[in-house]
């Protein structure tokens, strides 16, 4: 029997040889193929990352798809944004990416798409139910291979970006898939590029492939300072999340990256709406309003934001985790390679250093995203009780995703992770003392209901 726990909120993910076997991938291929056929659809683009288990997993997944009568185009070992691009370029009904994103090497998984929209939450549960019932569509699908999409993708981005001058940049791909694309694109745009860990390696031998965590940027920060680069760009394992290090070697948080991109976006798109998740700084929301834009605070999660963005017709959105979505001059999906180029475009258009871009903002003290262990069986209940208790005290609570409690001089957040058995917390205030006070207030409440 398939382990239902690998069907997470946004994707399918598990440990190789424990949760994920060749038969598991075959069954999921049949389940997804049947899901598509039930919707009257049958064409699928599929790619995979550089994890050691990916090629064989992809082969068994494709076998399952073909047996449901789906026609499959295998675009090879690529970055996740290249798979999304292929869905658009080839106009396929669906897509699948064999990847575990920024997870450690012993993991793998699958991201499923219906067009450019993610199959998530109830959609993934529908696929699981098909597998559990064993009621699969039958047919003889056609498989073809097309390894041209990577080059086409590179050309598409190069044609889309205009730099005012060459920029000196260091790229750390974390031995993930982005190293096959971003350095080539930047050199075509005239940049001076130094590559770090840009050869894909499913063992991730140099550091964990998540550029939103400071310790993973140590080598990048050191290289930026030593080589006097203007900035460093970090990419996660499948290149859908961006990290940035300024010229002083300081990491920018995801909401700071969003803020810089938002300022540039609103210059060309005055008054437009921008979506950001509940973990983002008050400075971001205030800055968007100050510049005449409208900010919407929304649920965390790339699938949540991407689909809501499309639903209400918004061109720009993002979240603390480094997922950034641009339908302004682009295709609307989370693509750290493209967003890196847009960020570097901003660098090329100004004489300011990256460390100076947000220097005019109020000084805020904030924590990174932090985790409190809490079992999957009770994490949502704990958050619901904490949220209600704050409402009962007539505090200012936004409950779109957990509870974000706003005070006159700061805020605190608690939400249940959709992917791991933890509560996610973050705090921000005008002084460090006040930030710690808010943290104690929220975490004392959490302990009461744990």
Protein backbone atom coordinates (compact mmCIF):
# COMPACT_ATOMS: atom_id res chain seq x y z
CA UNK A 1 0.00 0.00 0.00
CA UNK A 2 1.14 3.53 -0.77
CA UNK A 3 1.99 5.74 2.22
CA UNK A 4 -0.73 8.41 2.20
CA UNK A 5 1.55 10.69 4.24
CA UNK A 6 3.73 11.46 1.21
CA UNK A 7 0.81 13.39 -0.32
CA UNK A 8 1.56 16.75 1.28
CA UNK A 9 -0.22 20.08 0.86
CA UNK A 10 1.71 21.27 -2.19
CA UNK A 11 3.42 18.19 -3.61
CA UNK A 12 4.35 14.55 -3.07
CA UNK A 13 7.51 14.04 -1.04
CA UNK A 14 9.19 11.23 0.87
CA UNK A 15 12.34 9.25 1.65
CA UNK A 16 13.80 7.20 -1.20
CA UNK A 17 13.44 3.40 -0.79
CA UNK A 18 11.21 3.91 2.26
CA UNK A 19 8.30 6.07 1.12
CA UNK A 20 9.19 6.13 -2.56
CA UNK A 21 9.94 3.00 -4.58
CA UNK A 22 9.75 2.23 -8.29
CA UNK A 23 6.28 0.77 -7.75
CA UNK A 24 5.18 3.89 -5.84
CA UNK A 25 6.18 6.09 -8.78
CA UNK A 26 4.45 3.73 -11.21
CA UNK A 27 1.24 3.85 -9.14
CA UNK A 28 1.37 7.65 -8.86
CA UNK A 29 1.91 7.88 -12.64
CA UNK A 30 -1.24 5.80 -13.17
CA UNK A 31 -3.12 7.85 -10.59
CA UNK A 32 -2.14 11.19 -12.12
CA UNK A 33 -2.83 9.91 -15.65
CA UNK A 34 -6.31 8.79 -14.59
CA UNK A 35 -6.87 12.16 -12.86
CA UNK A 36 -6.09 13.90 -16.15
CA UNK A 37 -8.15 11.52 -18.27
CA UNK A 38 -11.14 12.05 -15.94
CA UNK A 39 -10.86 15.75 -16.76
CA UNK A 40 -10.79 15.04 -20.50
CA UNK A 41 -7.06 15.76 -20.72
CA UNK A 42 -4.15 13.58 -21.81
CA UNK A 43 -0.92 15.44 -22.74
CA UNK A 44 1.86 15.74 -20.15
CA UNK A 45 5.31 17.34 -20.02
CA UNK A 46 7.68 15.71 -17.54
CA UNK A 47 11.12 16.57 -16.21
CA UNK A 48 13.34 15.64 -13.29
CA UNK A 49 16.11 17.08 -11.14
CA UNK A 50 19.66 15.78 -10.56
CA UNK A 51 18.91 13.55 -7.55
CA UNK A 52 20.42 10.11 -7.88
CA UNK A 53 17.03 8.39 -7.77
CA UNK A 54 15.35 10.73 -10.29
CA UNK A 55 16.09 9.04 -13.67
CA UNK A 56 14.69 5.65 -12.63
CA UNK A 57 11.78 7.24 -10.76
CA UNK A 58 10.92 9.28 -13.84
CA UNK A 59 11.00 6.17 -16.02
CA UNK A 60 8.52 4.30 -13.78
CA UNK A 61 6.27 7.34 -13.41
CA UNK A 62 6.15 7.71 -17.21
CA UNK A 63 5.29 3.99 -17.57
CA UNK A 64 2.26 4.52 -15.36
CA UNK A 65 1.18 7.60 -17.30
CA UNK A 66 1.46 5.85 -20.66
CA UNK A 67 -0.69 2.95 -19.48
CA UNK A 68 -3.57 5.36 -18.81
CA UNK A 69 -3.47 6.59 -22.40
CA UNK A 70 -1.67 9.85 -21.70
CA UNK A 71 0.81 11.16 -24.27
CA UNK A 72 4.08 12.18 -22.62
CA UNK A 73 6.90 14.52 -23.62
CA UNK A 74 10.02 13.82 -21.53
CA UNK A 75 12.15 16.98 -21.48
CA UNK A 76 15.00 15.38 -19.50
CA UNK A 77 16.89 16.49 -16.39
CA UNK A 78 15.96 20.14 -15.90
CA UNK A 79 15.17 22.85 -13.34
CA UNK A 80 11.54 23.07 -12.19
CA UNK A 81 10.99 26.43 -13.96
CA UNK A 82 12.07 24.79 -17.23
CA UNK A 83 9.34 22.18 -16.74
CA UNK A 84 6.80 24.97 -16.18
CA UNK A 85 8.11 26.73 -19.29
CA UNK A 86 7.74 23.48 -21.26
CA UNK A 87 4.09 23.13 -20.20
CA UNK A 88 3.49 26.63 -21.60
CA UNK A 89 5.65 26.26 -24.69
CA UNK A 90 4.36 22.82 -25.67
CA UNK A 91 0.82 23.68 -24.52
CA UNK A 92 0.41 20.38 -22.67
CA UNK A 93 -2.58 19.68 -20.44
CA UNK A 94 -0.45 18.82 -17.45
CA UNK A 95 3.05 18.45 -16.13
CA UNK A 96 5.11 16.55 -13.59
CA UNK A 97 8.50 17.33 -12.06
CA UNK A 98 10.41 14.62 -10.21
CA UNK A 99 12.12 16.64 -7.48
CA UNK A 100 12.40 17.15 -3.73
CA UNK A 101 13.34 20.80 -4.19
CA UNK A 102 15.58 21.92 -1.29
CA UNK A 103 15.19 18.74 0.79
CA UNK A 104 18.26 16.62 1.72
CA UNK A 105 19.63 14.06 -0.72
CA UNK A 106 17.76 11.07 0.73
CA UNK A 107 14.44 12.63 -0.32
CA UNK A 108 12.64 12.80 -3.63
CA UNK A 109 9.13 13.71 -4.74
CA UNK A 110 6.82 14.96 -7.46
CA UNK A 111 5.27 18.33 -8.27
CA UNK A 112 2.13 17.96 -10.37
CA UNK A 113 0.56 20.55 -12.63
CA UNK A 114 -2.71 21.09 -14.44
CA UNK A 115 -1.58 23.55 -17.08
CA UNK A 116 0.53 26.10 -15.21
CA UNK A 117 -1.58 25.69 -12.04
CA UNK A 118 -0.28 23.46 -9.27
CA UNK A 119 -2.23 20.34 -8.37
CA UNK A 120 -2.31 20.67 -4.56
CA UNK A 121 -4.38 20.11 -1.44
CA UNK A 122 -7.68 18.48 -2.55
CA UNK A 123 -6.29 17.84 -6.04
CA UNK A 124 -3.47 15.72 -4.63
CA UNK A 125 -5.94 13.90 -2.39
CA UNK A 126 -8.03 13.13 -5.49
CA UNK A 127 -4.97 11.50 -7.09
CA UNK A 128 -4.37 9.51 -3.90
CA UNK A 129 -7.98 8.29 -3.82
CA UNK A 130 -7.70 7.06 -7.41
CA UNK A 131 -4.62 5.04 -6.45
CA UNK A 132 -6.24 3.64 -3.30
CA UNK A 133 -9.31 2.49 -5.26
CA UNK A 134 -7.14 1.06 -8.04
CA UNK A 135 -9.60 2.30 -10.65
CA UNK A 136 -7.24 3.44 -13.41
CA UNK A 137 -7.90 4.61 -16.92
CA UNK A 138 -6.44 2.34 -19.62
CA UNK A 139 -4.82 3.12 -22.96
CA UNK A 140 -1.62 3.21 -24.94
CA UNK A 141 0.01 6.61 -24.65
CA UNK A 142 2.79 7.87 -26.88
CA UNK A 143 6.20 8.88 -25.48
CA UNK A 144 8.53 11.34 -27.14
CA UNK A 145 11.71 12.98 -25.93
CA UNK A 146 12.49 16.65 -26.43
CA UNK A 147 15.77 17.97 -25.01
CA UNK A 148 15.47 21.37 -26.70
CA UNK A 149 13.43 23.09 -24.00
CA UNK A 150 16.44 24.13 -21.88
CA UNK A 151 18.01 26.11 -24.74
CA UNK A 152 14.63 27.58 -25.69
CA UNK A 153 14.07 28.65 -22.08
CA UNK A 154 17.49 30.34 -21.91
CA UNK A 155 16.78 32.28 -25.12
CA UNK A 156 13.34 33.32 -23.87
CA UNK A 157 14.76 34.87 -20.70
CA UNK A 158 17.70 36.54 -22.46
CA UNK A 159 15.24 38.18 -24.87
CA UNK A 160 13.14 39.36 -21.91
CA UNK A 161 15.84 41.10 -19.82
CA UNK A 162 17.54 44.44 -20.54
CA UNK A 163 20.61 45.37 -18.52
CA UNK A 164 21.87 48.96 -18.58
CA UNK A 165 25.42 47.81 -17.88
CA UNK A 166 27.34 44.63 -17.03
CA UNK A 167 26.99 43.48 -13.41
CA UNK A 168 29.58 41.53 -11.44
CA UNK A 169 27.74 38.64 -9.79
CA UNK A 170 28.51 35.33 -8.09
CA UNK A 171 26.07 32.45 -8.56
CA UNK A 172 25.84 29.63 -6.00
CA UNK A 173 23.51 26.95 -7.35
CA UNK A 174 24.06 24.62 -4.39
CA UNK A 175 24.80 21.74 -6.81
CA UNK A 176 21.17 21.99 -7.88
CA UNK A 177 19.67 22.45 -11.32
CA UNK A 178 19.92 26.23 -11.61
CA UNK A 179 23.65 26.06 -12.36
CA UNK A 180 22.87 24.77 -15.85
CA UNK A 181 20.99 27.95 -16.75
CA UNK A 182 21.62 31.12 -14.74
CA UNK A 183 25.37 31.53 -15.43
CA UNK A 184 24.79 31.03 -19.18
CA UNK A 185 21.93 33.55 -19.21
CA UNK A 186 23.89 36.17 -17.28
CA UNK A 187 26.94 35.83 -19.51
CA UNK A 188 24.74 36.22 -22.59
CA UNK A 189 23.47 39.43 -20.97
CA UNK A 190 27.06 40.67 -20.58
CA UNK A 191 27.59 40.05 -16.87
CA UNK A 192 30.84 39.05 -15.21
CA UNK A 193 29.92 35.76 -13.53
CA UNK A 194 31.74 33.57 -11.02
CA UNK A 195 30.20 30.12 -10.58
CA UNK A 196 30.04 28.31 -7.26
CA UNK A 197 28.73 24.74 -6.97
CA UNK A 198 27.01 25.04 -10.33
CA UNK A 199 27.52 21.43 -11.39
CA UNK A 200 24.39 19.43 -10.49
CA UNK A 201 25.14 16.71 -7.94
CA UNK A 202 22.36 14.83 -6.18
CA UNK A 203 24.60 14.30 -3.13
CA UNK A 204 24.74 18.09 -2.52
CA UNK A 205 28.37 17.76 -1.32
CA UNK A 206 29.07 21.42 -0.48
CA UNK A 207 26.06 22.68 1.46
CA UNK A 208 22.33 22.13 1.83
CA UNK A 209 20.57 23.55 -1.28
CA UNK A 210 18.42 26.16 0.47
CA UNK A 211 19.64 29.77 0.05
CA UNK A 212 17.03 31.20 2.44
CA UNK A 213 18.99 29.83 5.43
CA UNK A 214 21.96 31.97 6.41
CA UNK A 215 24.42 29.15 7.17
CA UNK A 216 24.03 27.86 3.59
CA UNK A 217 25.30 31.19 2.23
CA UNK A 218 28.62 31.26 4.08
CA UNK A 219 30.71 30.38 1.01
CA UNK A 220 28.75 32.76 -1.21
CA UNK A 221 29.07 35.67 1.22
CA UNK A 222 32.83 35.10 1.57
CA UNK A 223 33.29 34.99 -2.21
CA UNK A 224 31.27 38.17 -2.76
CA UNK A 225 33.46 40.10 -0.33
CA UNK A 226 36.76 38.64 -1.57
CA UNK A 227 35.97 39.18 -5.24
CA UNK A 228 34.30 42.57 -4.69
CA UNK A 229 31.19 41.42 -6.51
CA UNK A 230 28.07 43.59 -6.55
CA UNK A 231 25.93 40.75 -5.21
CA UNK A 232 25.61 37.01 -4.86
CA UNK A 233 22.67 34.91 -6.02
CA UNK A 234 21.78 31.61 -4.38
CA UNK A 235 19.35 29.06 -5.83
CA UNK A 236 17.66 26.11 -4.19
CA UNK A 237 17.86 22.52 -5.44
CA UNK A 238 15.31 22.83 -8.24
CA UNK A 239 15.77 26.59 -8.83
CA UNK A 240 12.33 27.87 -7.92
CA UNK A 241 13.53 29.76 -4.80
CA UNK A 242 15.98 32.66 -4.75
CA UNK A 243 18.46 33.90 -2.16
CA UNK A 244 20.45 37.16 -2.38
CA UNK A 245 23.62 38.29 -0.62
CA UNK A 246 24.54 41.99 -0.85
CA UNK A 247 28.01 43.38 -1.59
CA UNK A 248 28.87 43.27 2.13
CA UNK A 249 28.07 39.57 2.31
CA UNK A 250 24.83 40.10 4.20
CA UNK A 251 21.90 37.86 3.32
CA UNK A 252 18.62 39.51 2.38
CA UNK A 253 15.46 37.93 3.79
CA UNK A 254 12.82 36.88 1.30
CA UNK A 255 10.58 39.84 2.13
CA UNK A 256 13.48 42.24 1.53
CA UNK A 257 14.05 40.72 -1.92
CA UNK A 258 10.33 41.14 -2.56
CA UNK A 259 10.45 44.73 -1.37
CA UNK A 260 13.22 45.67 -3.81
CA UNK A 261 11.40 43.96 -6.68
CA UNK A 262 8.09 45.58 -5.62
CA UNK A 263 9.56 49.08 -5.76
CA UNK A 264 10.74 48.46 -9.30
CA UNK A 265 7.44 46.81 -10.30
CA UNK A 266 5.33 49.73 -9.01
CA UNK A 267 7.37 52.26 -10.99
CA UNK A 268 6.09 50.66 -14.18
CA UNK A 269 2.77 49.39 -12.80
CA UNK A 270 1.47 52.20 -10.54
CA UNK A 271 -1.41 51.32 -8.26
CA UNK A 272 -1.21 47.58 -8.92
CA UNK A 273 -1.92 44.87 -6.34
CA UNK A 274 0.89 42.76 -4.86
CA UNK A 275 0.36 39.56 -2.87
CA UNK A 276 2.74 38.58 -0.06
CA UNK A 277 2.46 35.88 2.59
CA UNK A 278 1.77 36.25 6.31
CA UNK A 279 5.43 35.84 7.27
CA UNK A 280 6.53 39.09 5.57
CA UNK A 281 7.69 42.25 7.34
CA UNK A 282 5.43 45.20 8.12
CA UNK A 283 7.98 47.29 6.19
CA UNK A 284 7.04 45.49 2.96
CA UNK A 285 3.31 46.09 3.37
CA UNK A 286 3.82 49.72 4.43
CA UNK A 287 6.22 50.37 1.55
CA UNK A 288 3.81 49.00 -1.06
CA UNK A 289 1.06 51.27 0.30
CA UNK A 290 3.42 54.27 0.47
CA UNK A 291 4.26 53.77 -3.20
CA UNK A 292 0.59 53.71 -4.16
CA UNK A 293 0.23 49.95 -4.52
CA UNK A 294 -2.26 47.67 -2.83
CA UNK A 295 -0.87 44.87 -0.69
CA UNK A 296 -2.78 41.66 0.04
CA UNK A 297 -1.60 39.45 2.90
CA UNK A 298 -2.24 35.82 1.96
CA UNK A 299 -1.55 32.22 2.91
CA UNK A 300 1.98 30.84 2.80
CA UNK A 301 2.70 28.25 0.09
CA UNK A 302 3.75 28.52 -3.53
CA UNK A 303 0.65 26.69 -4.79
CA UNK A 304 -1.71 28.83 -2.68
CA UNK A 305 -0.20 32.10 -3.86
CA UNK A 306 0.29 31.10 -7.51
CA UNK A 307 -3.30 29.97 -7.91
CA UNK A 308 -4.78 32.94 -5.98
CA UNK A 309 -2.67 35.29 -8.08
CA UNK A 310 -4.18 33.84 -11.24
CA UNK A 311 -7.67 33.82 -9.75
CA UNK A 312 -7.73 37.57 -9.04
CA UNK A 313 -5.51 38.67 -11.93
CA UNK A 314 -2.42 39.92 -10.09
CA UNK A 315 0.93 40.32 -11.89
CA UNK A 316 3.35 40.07 -8.95
CA UNK A 317 3.49 38.06 -5.74
CA UNK A 318 5.94 36.35 -3.42
CA UNK A 319 6.70 34.91 -0.02
CA UNK A 320 9.38 34.78 2.65
CA UNK A 321 10.55 31.37 1.44
CA UNK A 322 12.05 32.86 -1.74
CA UNK A 323 9.27 31.86 -4.14
CA UNK A 324 8.58 34.89 -6.36
CA UNK A 325 5.91 34.95 -9.05
CA UNK A 326 6.00 37.42 -11.94
CA UNK A 327 3.32 37.73 -14.61
CA UNK A 328 4.75 41.14 -15.45
CA UNK A 329 6.78 40.54 -18.65
CA UNK A 330 6.77 36.82 -17.77
CA UNK A 331 4.60 33.73 -17.34
CA UNK A 332 3.44 33.97 -13.72
CA UNK A 333 5.14 30.95 -12.13
CA UNK A 334 7.85 30.81 -9.46
CA UNK A 335 11.18 30.95 -11.27
CA UNK A 336 14.28 31.89 -9.28
CA UNK A 337 16.40 31.98 -12.44
CA UNK A 338 14.20 34.59 -14.09
CA UNK A 339 13.72 36.55 -10.85
CA UNK A 340 17.51 36.64 -10.40
CA UNK A 341 17.75 38.30 -13.79
CA UNK A 342 15.06 40.83 -12.90
CA UNK A 343 16.91 41.62 -9.66
CA UNK A 344 20.18 42.06 -11.56
CA UNK A 345 18.34 44.28 -14.05
CA UNK A 346 17.51 46.56 -11.10
CA UNK A 347 21.18 46.52 -10.01
CA UNK A 348 22.25 47.55 -13.51
CA UNK A 349 19.87 50.52 -13.50
CA UNK A 350 21.10 52.21 -10.33
CA UNK A 351 24.30 53.59 -8.86
CA UNK A 352 23.24 52.47 -5.38
CA UNK A 353 24.77 49.40 -3.78
CA UNK A 354 22.41 46.54 -2.94
CA UNK A 355 22.93 47.18 0.79
CA UNK A 356 21.56 50.72 0.27
CA UNK A 357 18.32 49.83 -1.54
CA UNK A 358 16.16 49.72 1.60
CA UNK A 359 18.25 52.06 3.75
CA UNK A 360 15.38 54.59 3.89
CA UNK A 361 13.09 52.17 5.69
CA UNK A 362 12.41 52.22 9.45
CA UNK A 363 14.72 49.99 11.45
CA UNK A 364 12.80 46.89 12.50
CA UNK A 365 14.04 44.01 14.62
CA UNK A 366 12.86 40.63 13.47
CA UNK A 367 13.54 36.95 13.79
CA UNK A 368 13.95 34.57 10.90
CA UNK A 369 11.24 31.96 10.42
CA UNK A 370 11.53 29.62 13.42
CA UNK A 371 10.00 26.21 14.17
CA UNK A 372 8.43 24.65 17.27
CA UNK A 373 8.00 20.87 17.12
CA UNK A 374 4.34 19.86 17.12
CA UNK A 375 2.80 16.63 15.84
CA UNK A 376 0.84 16.57 12.60
CA UNK A 377 -2.14 15.21 14.56
CA UNK A 378 -2.45 18.30 16.76
CA UNK A 379 -0.62 21.25 15.13
CA UNK A 380 -3.72 22.73 13.43
CA UNK A 381 -5.78 22.33 16.61
CA UNK A 382 -3.11 24.12 18.69
CA UNK A 383 -3.02 27.04 16.25
CA UNK A 384 -6.84 27.25 16.18
CA UNK A 385 -6.97 27.46 19.98
CA UNK A 386 -4.19 30.05 20.16
CA UNK A 387 -5.90 32.11 17.46
CA UNK A 388 -9.29 32.02 19.21
CA UNK A 389 -7.76 32.98 22.55
CA UNK A 390 -6.23 36.11 20.98
CA UNK A 391 -9.57 36.99 19.36
CA UNK A 392 -11.29 36.55 22.71
CA UNK A 393 -8.99 39.27 24.05
CA UNK A 394 -9.98 41.57 21.16
CA UNK A 395 -6.46 41.65 19.78
CA UNK A 396 -5.88 42.55 16.12
CA UNK A 397 -5.68 39.06 14.57
CA UNK A 398 -5.35 38.13 10.88
CA UNK A 399 -6.37 34.47 10.57
CA UNK A 400 -5.90 33.92 6.82
CA UNK A 401 -3.14 31.43 7.71
CA UNK A 402 -2.78 30.69 11.40
CA UNK A 403 -2.74 33.80 13.57
CA UNK A 404 -0.80 37.00 12.91
CA UNK A 405 -1.27 39.28 15.93
CA UNK A 406 -0.55 42.95 15.23
CA UNK A 407 0.32 45.52 17.87
CA UNK A 408 1.08 49.23 17.43
CA UNK A 409 4.80 48.53 17.51
CA UNK A 410 5.20 44.99 16.16
CA UNK A 411 3.61 41.64 15.40
CA UNK A 412 3.87 37.92 16.04
CA UNK A 413 2.88 34.95 13.90
CA UNK A 414 2.06 31.33 14.60
CA UNK A 415 0.89 28.95 11.88
CA UNK A 416 0.95 25.21 11.30
CA UNK A 417 3.40 24.06 8.65
CA UNK A 418 1.67 22.29 5.78
CA UNK A 419 4.68 20.07 5.10
CA UNK A 420 6.35 19.14 8.41
CA UNK A 421 5.26 18.44 12.05
CA UNK A 422 6.07 21.93 13.32
CA UNK A 423 4.53 25.27 14.17
CA UNK A 424 6.07 28.17 12.26
CA UNK A 425 6.65 31.37 14.23
CA UNK A 426 8.11 34.76 13.41
CA UNK A 427 8.30 38.06 15.30
CA UNK A 428 9.03 41.70 14.48
CA UNK A 429 9.02 44.95 16.45
CA UNK A 430 10.46 48.45 16.59
CA UNK A 431 12.94 47.48 19.30
CA UNK A 432 14.70 44.24 20.11
CA UNK A 433 13.29 44.24 23.63
CA UNK A 434 9.75 44.59 22.32
CA UNK A 435 10.33 41.82 19.75
CA UNK A 436 11.43 39.45 22.53
CA UNK A 437 8.42 40.52 24.61
CA UNK A 438 6.03 39.66 21.75
CA UNK A 439 7.84 36.37 21.24
CA UNK A 440 7.40 35.44 24.91
CA UNK A 441 3.73 36.47 24.83
CA UNK A 442 2.95 34.28 21.79
CA UNK A 443 5.05 31.30 22.83
CA UNK A 444 3.64 31.26 26.36
CA UNK A 445 0.21 31.01 24.73
CA UNK A 446 1.36 28.21 22.45
CA UNK A 447 2.69 26.24 25.46
CA UNK A 448 -0.72 26.57 27.12
CA UNK A 449 -2.36 24.61 24.30
CA UNK A 450 0.41 22.15 23.36
